[in-house]
PDB file of N, CA and C in Angstrom:
ATOM      1  N   UNK A   1     109.090 180.597 -93.426  1.00  0.00           N
ATOM      2  CA  UNK A   1     107.906 179.783 -93.203  1.00  0.00           C
ATOM      3  C   UNK A   1     107.039 180.444 -92.080  1.00  0.00           C
ATOM      4  N   UNK A   2     105.776 180.634 -92.370  1.00  0.00           N
ATOM      5  CA  UNK A   2     104.882 181.283 -91.422  1.00  0.00           C
ATOM      6  C   UNK A   2     104.293 180.232 -90.487  1.00  0.00           C
ATOM      7  N   UNK A   3     104.270 180.577 -89.218  1.00  0.00           N
ATOM      8  CA  UNK A   3     103.618 179.709 -88.269  1.00  0.00           C
ATOM      9  C   UNK A   3     102.136 180.028 -88.253  1.00  0.00           C
ATOM     10  N   UNK A   4     101.325 178.980 -88.173  1.00  0.00           N
ATOM     11  CA  UNK A   4      99.907 179.191 -88.101  1.00  0.00           C
ATOM     12  C   UNK A   4      99.533 179.440 -86.639  1.00  0.00           C
ATOM     13  N   UNK A   5      98.589 180.357 -86.448  1.00  0.00           N
ATOM     14  CA  UNK A   5      98.160 180.646 -85.102  1.00  0.00           C
ATOM     15  C   UNK A   5      97.064 179.686 -84.745  1.00  0.00           C
ATOM     16  N   UNK A   6      97.300 178.930 -83.724  1.00  0.00           N
ATOM     17  CA  UNK A   6      96.282 177.990 -83.265  1.00  0.00           C
ATOM     18  C   UNK A   6      95.528 178.621 -82.105  1.00  0.00           C
ATOM     19  N   UNK A   7      94.261 178.425 -82.124  1.00  0.00           N
ATOM     20  CA  UNK A   7      93.431 178.950 -81.061  1.00  0.00           C
ATOM     21  C   UNK A   7      93.648 178.080 -79.835  1.00  0.00           C
ATOM     22  N   UNK A   8      93.945 178.721 -78.707  1.00  0.00           N
ATOM     23  CA  UNK A   8      94.185 177.962 -77.480  1.00  0.00           C
ATOM     24  C   UNK A   8      92.897 177.261 -77.030  1.00  0.00           C
ATOM     25  N   UNK A   9      93.023 176.007 -76.713  1.00  0.00           N
ATOM     26  CA  UNK A   9      91.888 175.229 -76.241  1.00  0.00           C
ATOM     27  C   UNK A   9      91.890 175.269 -74.706  1.00  0.00           C
ATOM     28  N   UNK A  10      90.771 175.643 -74.184  1.00  0.00           N
ATOM     29  CA  UNK A  10      90.650 175.713 -72.727  1.00  0.00           C
ATOM     30  C   UNK A  10      90.501 174.311 -72.166  1.00  0.00           C
ATOM     31  N   UNK A  11      91.416 173.930 -71.282  1.00  0.00           N
ATOM     32  CA  UNK A  11      91.371 172.560 -70.753  1.00  0.00           C
ATOM     33  C   UNK A  11      90.275 172.361 -69.671  1.00  0.00           C
ATOM     34  N   UNK A  12      89.624 173.417 -69.290  1.00  0.00           N
ATOM     35  CA  UNK A  12      88.638 173.295 -68.200  1.00  0.00           C
ATOM     36  C   UNK A  12      87.213 173.394 -68.748  1.00  0.00           C
ATOM     37  N   UNK A  13      86.523 172.264 -68.852  1.00  0.00           N
ATOM     38  CA  UNK A  13      85.145 172.292 -69.384  1.00  0.00           C
ATOM     39  C   UNK A  13      84.215 173.241 -68.590  1.00  0.00           C
ATOM     40  N   UNK A  14      84.394 173.352 -67.296  1.00  0.00           N
ATOM     41  CA  UNK A  14      83.534 174.201 -66.504  1.00  0.00           C
ATOM     42  C   UNK A  14      83.638 175.683 -66.989  1.00  0.00           C
ATOM     43  N   UNK A  15      84.833 176.064 -67.373  1.00  0.00           N
ATOM     44  CA  UNK A  15      84.999 177.448 -67.856  1.00  0.00           C
ATOM     45  C   UNK A  15      84.250 177.682 -69.181  1.00  0.00           C
ATOM     46  N   UNK A  16      84.321 176.684 -70.067  1.00  0.00           N
ATOM     47  CA  UNK A  16      83.580 176.782 -71.328  1.00  0.00           C
ATOM     48  C   UNK A  16      82.060 176.873 -71.063  1.00  0.00           C
ATOM     49  N   UNK A  17      81.567 176.037 -70.125  1.00  0.00           N
ATOM     50  CA  UNK A  17      80.160 176.065 -69.805  1.00  0.00           C
ATOM     51  C   UNK A  17      79.760 177.379 -69.218  1.00  0.00           C
ATOM     52  N   UNK A  18      80.539 177.894 -68.308  1.00  0.00           N
ATOM     53  CA  UNK A  18      80.196 179.180 -67.686  1.00  0.00           C
ATOM     54  C   UNK A  18      80.167 180.321 -68.692  1.00  0.00           C
ATOM     55  N   UNK A  19      81.073 180.285 -69.678  1.00  0.00           N
ATOM     56  CA  UNK A  19      81.021 181.325 -70.731  1.00  0.00           C
ATOM     57  C   UNK A  19      79.750 181.243 -71.503  1.00  0.00           C
ATOM     58  N   UNK A  20      79.174 180.060 -71.628  1.00  0.00           N
ATOM     59  CA  UNK A  20      77.913 179.905 -72.375  1.00  0.00           C
ATOM     60  C   UNK A  20      76.686 180.329 -71.590  1.00  0.00           C
ATOM     61  N   UNK A  21      76.691 180.070 -70.270  1.00  0.00           N
ATOM     62  CA  UNK A  21      75.439 180.312 -69.523  1.00  0.00           C
ATOM     63  C   UNK A  21      75.474 181.504 -68.580  1.00  0.00           C
ATOM     64  N   UNK A  22      76.665 182.017 -68.320  1.00  0.00           N
ATOM     65  CA  UNK A  22      76.731 183.148 -67.378  1.00  0.00           C
ATOM     66  C   UNK A  22      76.712 184.454 -68.147  1.00  0.00           C
ATOM     67  N   UNK A  23      75.817 185.296 -67.716  1.00  0.00           N
ATOM     68  CA  UNK A  23      75.623 186.608 -68.279  1.00  0.00           C
ATOM     69  C   UNK A  23      74.514 187.177 -67.418  1.00  0.00           C
ATOM     70  N   UNK A  24      74.319 188.428 -67.496  1.00  0.00           N
ATOM     71  CA  UNK A  24      73.326 189.045 -66.602  1.00  0.00           C
ATOM     72  C   UNK A  24      71.988 188.365 -66.717  1.00  0.00           C
ATOM     73  N   UNK A  25      71.579 187.940 -67.961  1.00  0.00           N
ATOM     74  CA  UNK A  25      70.233 187.420 -68.114  1.00  0.00           C
ATOM     75  C   UNK A  25      70.181 185.990 -68.655  1.00  0.00           C
ATOM     76  N   UNK A  26      71.296 185.468 -69.125  1.00  0.00           N
ATOM     77  CA  UNK A  26      71.254 184.164 -69.784  1.00  0.00           C
ATOM     78  C   UNK A  26      70.706 183.033 -68.916  1.00  0.00           C
ATOM     79  N   UNK A  27      71.163 182.974 -67.695  1.00  0.00           N
ATOM     80  CA  UNK A  27      70.668 181.885 -66.807  1.00  0.00           C
ATOM     81  C   UNK A  27      69.194 182.031 -66.511  1.00  0.00           C
ATOM     82  N   UNK A  28      68.738 183.285 -66.343  1.00  0.00           N
ATOM     83  CA  UNK A  28      67.321 183.539 -66.094  1.00  0.00           C
ATOM     84  C   UNK A  28      66.468 183.131 -67.309  1.00  0.00           C
ATOM     85  N   UNK A  29      66.966 183.437 -68.483  1.00  0.00           N
ATOM     86  CA  UNK A  29      66.245 183.029 -69.702  1.00  0.00           C
ATOM     87  C   UNK A  29      66.148 181.505 -69.767  1.00  0.00           C
ATOM     88  N   UNK A  30      67.269 180.817 -69.525  1.00  0.00           N
ATOM     89  CA  UNK A  30      67.251 179.368 -69.540  1.00  0.00           C
ATOM     90  C   UNK A  30      66.298 178.824 -68.489  1.00  0.00           C
ATOM     91  N   UNK A  31      66.265 179.444 -67.333  1.00  0.00           N
ATOM     92  CA  UNK A  31      65.372 179.041 -66.268  1.00  0.00           C
ATOM     93  C   UNK A  31      63.882 179.118 -66.718  1.00  0.00           C
ATOM     94  N   UNK A  32      63.518 180.213 -67.304  1.00  0.00           N
ATOM     95  CA  UNK A  32      62.159 180.379 -67.765  1.00  0.00           C
ATOM     96  C   UNK A  32      61.811 179.465 -68.915  1.00  0.00           C
ATOM     97  N   UNK A  33      62.745 179.247 -69.815  1.00  0.00           N
ATOM     98  CA  UNK A  33      62.485 178.321 -70.939  1.00  0.00           C
ATOM     99  C   UNK A  33      62.424 176.881 -70.472  1.00  0.00           C
ATOM    100  N   UNK A  34      62.914 176.616 -69.307  1.00  0.00           N
ATOM    101  CA  UNK A  34      62.820 175.258 -68.728  1.00  0.00           C
ATOM    102  C   UNK A  34      61.403 174.823 -68.476  1.00  0.00           C
ATOM    103  N   UNK A  35      60.484 175.752 -68.397  1.00  0.00           N
ATOM    104  CA  UNK A  35      59.067 175.404 -68.185  1.00  0.00           C
ATOM    105  C   UNK A  35      58.296 175.320 -69.504  1.00  0.00           C
ATOM    106  N   UNK A  36      58.986 175.542 -70.621  1.00  0.00           N
ATOM    107  CA  UNK A  36      58.355 175.411 -71.932  1.00  0.00           C
ATOM    108  C   UNK A  36      58.650 176.577 -72.871  1.00  0.00           C
ATOM    109  N   UNK A  37      58.156 176.432 -74.079  1.00  0.00           N
ATOM    110  CA  UNK A  37      58.420 177.462 -75.105  1.00  0.00           C
ATOM    111  C   UNK A  37      57.839 178.815 -74.662  1.00  0.00           C
ATOM    112  N   UNK A  38      58.526 179.843 -75.072  1.00  0.00           N
ATOM    113  CA  UNK A  38      58.065 181.207 -74.709  1.00  0.00           C
ATOM    114  C   UNK A  38      58.266 182.080 -75.966  1.00  0.00           C
ATOM    115  N   UNK A  39      57.319 183.013 -76.132  1.00  0.00           N
ATOM    116  CA  UNK A  39      57.492 184.043 -77.133  1.00  0.00           C
ATOM    117  C   UNK A  39      58.269 185.184 -76.531  1.00  0.00           C
ATOM    118  N   UNK A  40      58.805 186.032 -77.368  1.00  0.00           N
ATOM    119  CA  UNK A  40      59.639 187.150 -76.909  1.00  0.00           C
ATOM    120  C   UNK A  40      58.897 187.994 -75.869  1.00  0.00           C
ATOM    121  N   UNK A  41      57.654 188.329 -76.153  1.00  0.00           N
ATOM    122  CA  UNK A  41      56.844 189.177 -75.253  1.00  0.00           C
ATOM    123  C   UNK A  41      56.705 188.517 -73.879  1.00  0.00           C
ATOM    124  N   UNK A  42      56.543 187.227 -73.859  1.00  0.00           N
ATOM    125  CA  UNK A  42      56.409 186.483 -72.591  1.00  0.00           C
ATOM    126  C   UNK A  42      57.705 186.584 -71.778  1.00  0.00           C
ATOM    127  N   UNK A  43      58.838 186.388 -72.489  1.00  0.00           N
ATOM    128  CA  UNK A  43      60.114 186.522 -71.799  1.00  0.00           C
ATOM    129  C   UNK A  43      60.328 187.926 -71.260  1.00  0.00           C
ATOM    130  N   UNK A  44      59.939 188.888 -72.026  1.00  0.00           N
ATOM    131  CA  UNK A  44      60.082 190.312 -71.606  1.00  0.00           C
ATOM    132  C   UNK A  44      59.232 190.554 -70.329  1.00  0.00           C
ATOM    133  N   UNK A  45      58.041 189.989 -70.292  1.00  0.00           N
ATOM    134  CA  UNK A  45      57.185 190.162 -69.092  1.00  0.00           C
ATOM    135  C   UNK A  45      57.756 189.393 -67.890  1.00  0.00           C
ATOM    136  N   UNK A  46      58.335 188.249 -68.146  1.00  0.00           N
ATOM    137  CA  UNK A  46      58.885 187.421 -67.052  1.00  0.00           C
ATOM    138  C   UNK A  46      60.176 188.002 -66.510  1.00  0.00           C
ATOM    139  N   UNK A  47      60.902 188.788 -67.337  1.00  0.00           N
ATOM    140  CA  UNK A  47      62.179 189.383 -66.928  1.00  0.00           C
ATOM    141  C   UNK A  47      62.081 190.907 -67.138  1.00  0.00           C
ATOM    142  N   UNK A  48      61.243 191.583 -66.341  1.00  0.00           N
ATOM    143  CA  UNK A  48      60.977 193.000 -66.582  1.00  0.00           C
ATOM    144  C   UNK A  48      62.160 193.914 -66.364  1.00  0.00           C
ATOM    145  N   UNK A  49      63.189 193.504 -65.649  1.00  0.00           N
ATOM    146  CA  UNK A  49      64.324 194.380 -65.370  1.00  0.00           C
ATOM    147  C   UNK A  49      65.340 194.446 -66.512  1.00  0.00           C
ATOM    148  N   UNK A  50      65.168 193.657 -67.533  1.00  0.00           N
ATOM    149  CA  UNK A  50      66.088 193.661 -68.636  1.00  0.00           C
ATOM    150  C   UNK A  50      65.608 194.631 -69.753  1.00  0.00           C
ATOM    151  N   UNK A  51      66.552 195.183 -70.423  1.00  0.00           N
ATOM    152  CA  UNK A  51      66.214 196.052 -71.580  1.00  0.00           C
ATOM    153  C   UNK A  51      65.971 195.156 -72.794  1.00  0.00           C
ATOM    154  N   UNK A  52      65.300 195.688 -73.801  1.00  0.00           N
ATOM    155  CA  UNK A  52      65.085 194.891 -75.014  1.00  0.00           C
ATOM    156  C   UNK A  52      66.428 194.507 -75.634  1.00  0.00           C
ATOM    157  N   UNK A  53      67.367 195.443 -75.626  1.00  0.00           N
ATOM    158  CA  UNK A  53      68.687 195.201 -76.244  1.00  0.00           C
ATOM    159  C   UNK A  53      69.383 194.036 -75.561  1.00  0.00           C
ATOM    160  N   UNK A  54      69.382 194.029 -74.215  1.00  0.00           N
ATOM    161  CA  UNK A  54      70.062 192.968 -73.493  1.00  0.00           C
ATOM    162  C   UNK A  54      69.358 191.616 -73.660  1.00  0.00           C
ATOM    163  N   UNK A  55      68.030 191.641 -73.664  1.00  0.00           N
ATOM    164  CA  UNK A  55      67.283 190.392 -73.848  1.00  0.00           C
ATOM    165  C   UNK A  55      67.596 189.810 -75.228  1.00  0.00           C
ATOM    166  N   UNK A  56      67.573 190.633 -76.257  1.00  0.00           N
ATOM    167  CA  UNK A  56      67.853 190.164 -77.600  1.00  0.00           C
ATOM    168  C   UNK A  56      69.311 189.687 -77.698  1.00  0.00           C
ATOM    169  N   UNK A  57      70.232 190.393 -77.152  1.00  0.00           N
ATOM    170  CA  UNK A  57      71.666 189.986 -77.201  1.00  0.00           C
ATOM    171  C   UNK A  57      71.837 188.645 -76.462  1.00  0.00           C
ATOM    172  N   UNK A  58      71.212 188.492 -75.353  1.00  0.00           N
ATOM    173  CA  UNK A  58      71.322 187.232 -74.561  1.00  0.00           C
ATOM    174  C   UNK A  58      70.701 186.064 -75.344  1.00  0.00           C
ATOM    175  N   UNK A  59      69.528 186.283 -75.920  1.00  0.00           N
ATOM    176  CA  UNK A  59      68.883 185.223 -76.674  1.00  0.00           C
ATOM    177  C   UNK A  59      69.743 184.812 -77.904  1.00  0.00           C
ATOM    178  N   UNK A  60      70.321 185.808 -78.578  1.00  0.00           N
ATOM    179  CA  UNK A  60      71.168 185.508 -79.743  1.00  0.00           C
ATOM    180  C   UNK A  60      72.430 184.717 -79.315  1.00  0.00           C
ATOM    181  N   UNK A  61      73.010 185.116 -78.199  1.00  0.00           N
ATOM    182  CA  UNK A  61      74.211 184.402 -77.722  1.00  0.00           C
ATOM    183  C   UNK A  61      73.851 182.981 -77.352  1.00  0.00           C
ATOM    184  N   UNK A  62      72.726 182.794 -76.679  1.00  0.00           N
ATOM    185  CA  UNK A  62      72.290 181.404 -76.288  1.00  0.00           C
ATOM    186  C   UNK A  62      72.002 180.591 -77.570  1.00  0.00           C
ATOM    187  N   UNK A  63      71.405 181.222 -78.549  1.00  0.00           N
ATOM    188  CA  UNK A  63      71.124 180.532 -79.805  1.00  0.00           C
ATOM    189  C   UNK A  63      72.418 180.153 -80.501  1.00  0.00           C
ATOM    190  N   UNK A  64      73.361 181.090 -80.527  1.00  0.00           N
ATOM    191  CA  UNK A  64      74.652 180.860 -81.210  1.00  0.00           C
ATOM    192  C   UNK A  64      75.389 179.657 -80.538  1.00  0.00           C
ATOM    193  N   UNK A  65      75.264 179.565 -79.201  1.00  0.00           N
ATOM    194  CA  UNK A  65      75.913 178.501 -78.462  1.00  0.00           C
ATOM    195  C   UNK A  65      75.126 177.174 -78.504  1.00  0.00           C
ATOM    196  N   UNK A  66      74.004 177.173 -79.166  1.00  0.00           N
ATOM    197  CA  UNK A  66      73.211 175.968 -79.276  1.00  0.00           C
ATOM    198  C   UNK A  66      72.379 175.594 -78.080  1.00  0.00           C
ATOM    199  N   UNK A  67      72.120 176.577 -77.229  1.00  0.00           N
ATOM    200  CA  UNK A  67      71.351 176.336 -76.036  1.00  0.00           C
ATOM    201  C   UNK A  67      69.880 176.703 -76.176  1.00  0.00           C
ATOM    202  N   UNK A  68      69.562 177.582 -77.107  1.00  0.00           N
ATOM    203  CA  UNK A  68      68.187 178.039 -77.325  1.00  0.00           C
ATOM    204  C   UNK A  68      67.864 177.868 -78.803  1.00  0.00           C
ATOM    205  N   UNK A  69      66.680 177.389 -79.075  1.00  0.00           N
ATOM    206  CA  UNK A  69      66.202 177.286 -80.472  1.00  0.00           C
ATOM    207  C   UNK A  69      65.192 178.395 -80.689  1.00  0.00           C
ATOM    208  N   UNK A  70      65.304 178.991 -81.872  1.00  0.00           N
ATOM    209  CA  UNK A  70      64.420 180.089 -82.247  1.00  0.00           C
ATOM    210  C   UNK A  70      63.613 179.632 -83.436  1.00  0.00           C
ATOM    211  N   UNK A  71      62.277 179.643 -83.320  1.00  0.00           N
ATOM    212  CA  UNK A  71      61.405 179.232 -84.394  1.00  0.00           C
ATOM    213  C   UNK A  71      60.558 180.392 -84.838  1.00  0.00           C
ATOM    214  N   UNK A  72      60.649 180.748 -86.128  1.00  0.00           N
ATOM    215  CA  UNK A  72      59.892 181.848 -86.682  1.00  0.00           C
ATOM    216  C   UNK A  72      58.744 181.266 -87.484  1.00  0.00           C
ATOM    217  N   UNK A  73      57.537 181.716 -87.186  1.00  0.00           N
ATOM    218  CA  UNK A  73      56.356 181.266 -87.923  1.00  0.00           C
ATOM    219  C   UNK A  73      56.056 182.250 -89.044  1.00  0.00           C
ATOM    220  N   UNK A  74      55.743 181.755 -90.225  1.00  0.00           N
ATOM    221  CA  UNK A  74      55.458 182.669 -91.336  1.00  0.00           C
ATOM    222  C   UNK A  74      54.055 183.257 -91.327  1.00  0.00           C
ATOM    223  N   UNK A  75      53.821 184.085 -90.347  1.00  0.00           N
ATOM    224  CA  UNK A  75      52.507 184.747 -90.208  1.00  0.00           C
ATOM    225  C   UNK A  75      52.732 186.235 -90.022  1.00  0.00           C
ATOM    226  N   UNK A  76      51.629 186.982 -90.205  1.00  0.00           N
ATOM    227  CA  UNK A  76      51.710 188.427 -89.942  1.00  0.00           C
ATOM    228  C   UNK A  76      50.719 188.708 -88.879  1.00  0.00           C
ATOM    229  N   UNK A  77      51.092 189.386 -87.791  1.00  0.00           N
ATOM    230  CA  UNK A  77      52.433 189.832 -87.474  1.00  0.00           C
ATOM    231  C   UNK A  77      53.359 188.670 -87.180  1.00  0.00           C
ATOM    232  N   UNK A  78      54.668 188.855 -87.311  1.00  0.00           N
ATOM    233  CA  UNK A  78      55.633 187.769 -87.093  1.00  0.00           C
ATOM    234  C   UNK A  78      55.485 187.181 -85.693  1.00  0.00           C
ATOM    235  N   UNK A  79      55.607 185.854 -85.659  1.00  0.00           N
ATOM    236  CA  UNK A  79      55.560 185.149 -84.381  1.00  0.00           C
ATOM    237  C   UNK A  79      56.826 184.324 -84.233  1.00  0.00           C
ATOM    238  N   UNK A  80      57.495 184.526 -83.116  1.00  0.00           N
ATOM    239  CA  UNK A  80      58.750 183.836 -82.852  1.00  0.00           C
ATOM    240  C   UNK A  80      58.645 183.165 -81.467  1.00  0.00           C
ATOM    241  N   UNK A  81      59.044 181.927 -81.431  1.00  0.00           N
ATOM    242  CA  UNK A  81      59.080 181.185 -80.173  1.00  0.00           C
ATOM    243  C   UNK A  81      60.497 180.750 -79.864  1.00  0.00           C
ATOM    244  N   UNK A  82      60.841 180.766 -78.607  1.00  0.00           N
ATOM    245  CA  UNK A  82      62.127 180.320 -78.124  1.00  0.00           C
ATOM    246  C   UNK A  82      61.904 179.085 -77.236  1.00  0.00           C
ATOM    247  N   UNK A  83      62.822 178.154 -77.351  1.00  0.00           N
ATOM    248  CA  UNK A  83      62.740 176.945 -76.489  1.00  0.00           C
ATOM    249  C   UNK A  83      64.136 176.439 -76.249  1.00  0.00           C
ATOM    250  N   UNK A  84      64.224 175.563 -75.258  1.00  0.00           N
ATOM    251  CA  UNK A  84      65.523 174.902 -74.992  1.00  0.00           C
ATOM    252  C   UNK A  84      65.809 173.892 -76.069  1.00  0.00           C
ATOM    253  N   UNK A  85      67.083 173.710 -76.360  1.00  0.00           N
ATOM    254  CA  UNK A  85      67.498 172.673 -77.289  1.00  0.00           C
ATOM    255  C   UNK A  85      67.686 171.384 -76.454  1.00  0.00           C
ATOM    256  N   UNK A  86      67.870 170.283 -77.147  1.00  0.00           N
ATOM    257  CA  UNK A  86      68.136 169.029 -76.472  1.00  0.00           C
ATOM    258  C   UNK A  86      69.385 169.179 -75.584  1.00  0.00           C
ATOM    259  N   UNK A  87      70.370 169.865 -76.117  1.00  0.00           N
ATOM    260  CA  UNK A  87      71.634 170.091 -75.376  1.00  0.00           C
ATOM    261  C   UNK A  87      71.394 170.824 -74.069  1.00  0.00           C
ATOM    262  N   UNK A  88      70.554 171.851 -74.105  1.00  0.00           N
ATOM    263  CA  UNK A  88      70.354 172.681 -72.887  1.00  0.00           C
ATOM    264  C   UNK A  88      69.323 172.095 -71.936  1.00  0.00           C
ATOM    265  N   UNK A  89      68.488 171.180 -72.380  1.00  0.00           N
ATOM    266  CA  UNK A  89      67.500 170.584 -71.498  1.00  0.00           C
ATOM    267  C   UNK A  89      68.185 169.862 -70.329  1.00  0.00           C
ATOM    268  N   UNK A  90      69.368 169.349 -70.564  1.00  0.00           N
ATOM    269  CA  UNK A  90      70.102 168.687 -69.487  1.00  0.00           C
ATOM    270  C   UNK A  90      70.578 169.659 -68.419  1.00  0.00           C
ATOM    271  N   UNK A  91      70.534 170.944 -68.695  1.00  0.00           N
ATOM    272  CA  UNK A  91      70.888 171.941 -67.702  1.00  0.00           C
ATOM    273  C   UNK A  91      69.804 172.218 -66.664  1.00  0.00           C
ATOM    274  N   UNK A  92      68.564 171.799 -66.950  1.00  0.00           N
ATOM    275  CA  UNK A  92      67.474 172.139 -66.061  1.00  0.00           C
ATOM    276  C   UNK A  92      67.632 171.602 -64.652  1.00  0.00           C
ATOM    277  N   UNK A  93      68.186 170.398 -64.515  1.00  0.00           N
ATOM    278  CA  UNK A  93      68.455 169.850 -63.179  1.00  0.00           C
ATOM    279  C   UNK A  93      69.459 170.726 -62.428  1.00  0.00           C
ATOM    280  N   UNK A  94      70.491 171.190 -63.115  1.00  0.00           N
ATOM    281  CA  UNK A  94      71.492 172.001 -62.510  1.00  0.00           C
ATOM    282  C   UNK A  94      70.890 173.344 -62.090  1.00  0.00           C
ATOM    283  N   UNK A  95      70.074 173.940 -62.940  1.00  0.00           N
ATOM    284  CA  UNK A  95      69.430 175.212 -62.618  1.00  0.00           C
ATOM    285  C   UNK A  95      68.450 175.065 -61.440  1.00  0.00           C
ATOM    286  N   UNK A  96      67.738 173.930 -61.400  1.00  0.00           N
ATOM    287  CA  UNK A  96      66.837 173.669 -60.232  1.00  0.00           C
ATOM    288  C   UNK A  96      67.663 173.546 -58.968  1.00  0.00           C
ATOM    289  N   UNK A  97      68.798 172.880 -59.037  1.00  0.00           N
ATOM    290  CA  UNK A  97      69.655 172.752 -57.856  1.00  0.00           C
ATOM    291  C   UNK A  97      70.169 174.103 -57.414  1.00  0.00           C
ATOM    292  N   UNK A  98      70.564 174.965 -58.356  1.00  0.00           N
ATOM    293  CA  UNK A  98      70.994 176.314 -58.026  1.00  0.00           C
ATOM    294  C   UNK A  98      69.878 177.096 -57.380  1.00  0.00           C
ATOM    295  N   UNK A  99      68.656 176.943 -57.863  1.00  0.00           N
ATOM    296  CA  UNK A  99      67.509 177.628 -57.321  1.00  0.00           C
ATOM    297  C   UNK A  99      67.265 177.184 -55.853  1.00  0.00           C
ATOM    298  N   UNK A 100      67.329 175.846 -55.617  1.00  0.00           N
ATOM    299  CA  UNK A 100      67.146 175.318 -54.263  1.00  0.00           C
ATOM    300  C   UNK A 100      68.247 175.843 -53.337  1.00  0.00           C
ATOM    301  N   UNK A 101      69.498 175.827 -53.818  1.00  0.00           N
ATOM    302  CA  UNK A 101      70.617 176.303 -53.034  1.00  0.00           C
ATOM    303  C   UNK A 101      70.389 177.782 -52.667  1.00  0.00           C
ATOM    304  N   UNK A 102      69.939 178.558 -53.662  1.00  0.00           N
ATOM    305  CA  UNK A 102      69.682 179.963 -53.419  1.00  0.00           C
ATOM    306  C   UNK A 102      68.589 180.223 -52.423  1.00  0.00           C
ATOM    307  N   UNK A 103      67.528 179.399 -52.432  1.00  0.00           N
ATOM    308  CA  UNK A 103      66.453 179.520 -51.466  1.00  0.00           C
ATOM    309  C   UNK A 103      66.919 179.264 -50.040  1.00  0.00           C
ATOM    310  N   UNK A 104      67.868 178.348 -49.945  1.00  0.00           N
ATOM    311  CA  UNK A 104      68.411 177.991 -48.575  1.00  0.00           C
ATOM    312  C   UNK A 104      69.480 178.895 -48.106  1.00  0.00           C
ATOM    313  N   UNK A 105      70.309 179.437 -49.016  1.00  0.00           N
ATOM    314  CA  UNK A 105      71.538 180.120 -48.623  1.00  0.00           C
ATOM    315  C   UNK A 105      71.658 181.591 -49.006  1.00  0.00           C
ATOM    316  N   UNK A 106      70.842 182.039 -49.908  1.00  0.00           N
ATOM    317  CA  UNK A 106      71.022 183.439 -50.353  1.00  0.00           C
ATOM    318  C   UNK A 106      70.059 184.382 -49.665  1.00  0.00           C
TER     319      UNK A 106
END
């Protein structure tokens, strides 16, 4: 009889959350999207130190985790907008608190 491999469930919600939002650019992307929808070019200008590859990877990971919504408009040239999902909008208070803490302590 073969034993099925069960995926270990992490008992610490904070660890799951950090895996979703921590990355070199993920938190910064979420921070900028907290002020409203942004197109890719806008995000690239707001985060000039990131490479296109890293920005795209971060956006895809955030989208996969349900934190960022990607809307493609059927126009030429293609137009894509990114925004926070309902799930991630609740993170804005936390990110604001981190920003305030950083202004005082970093």
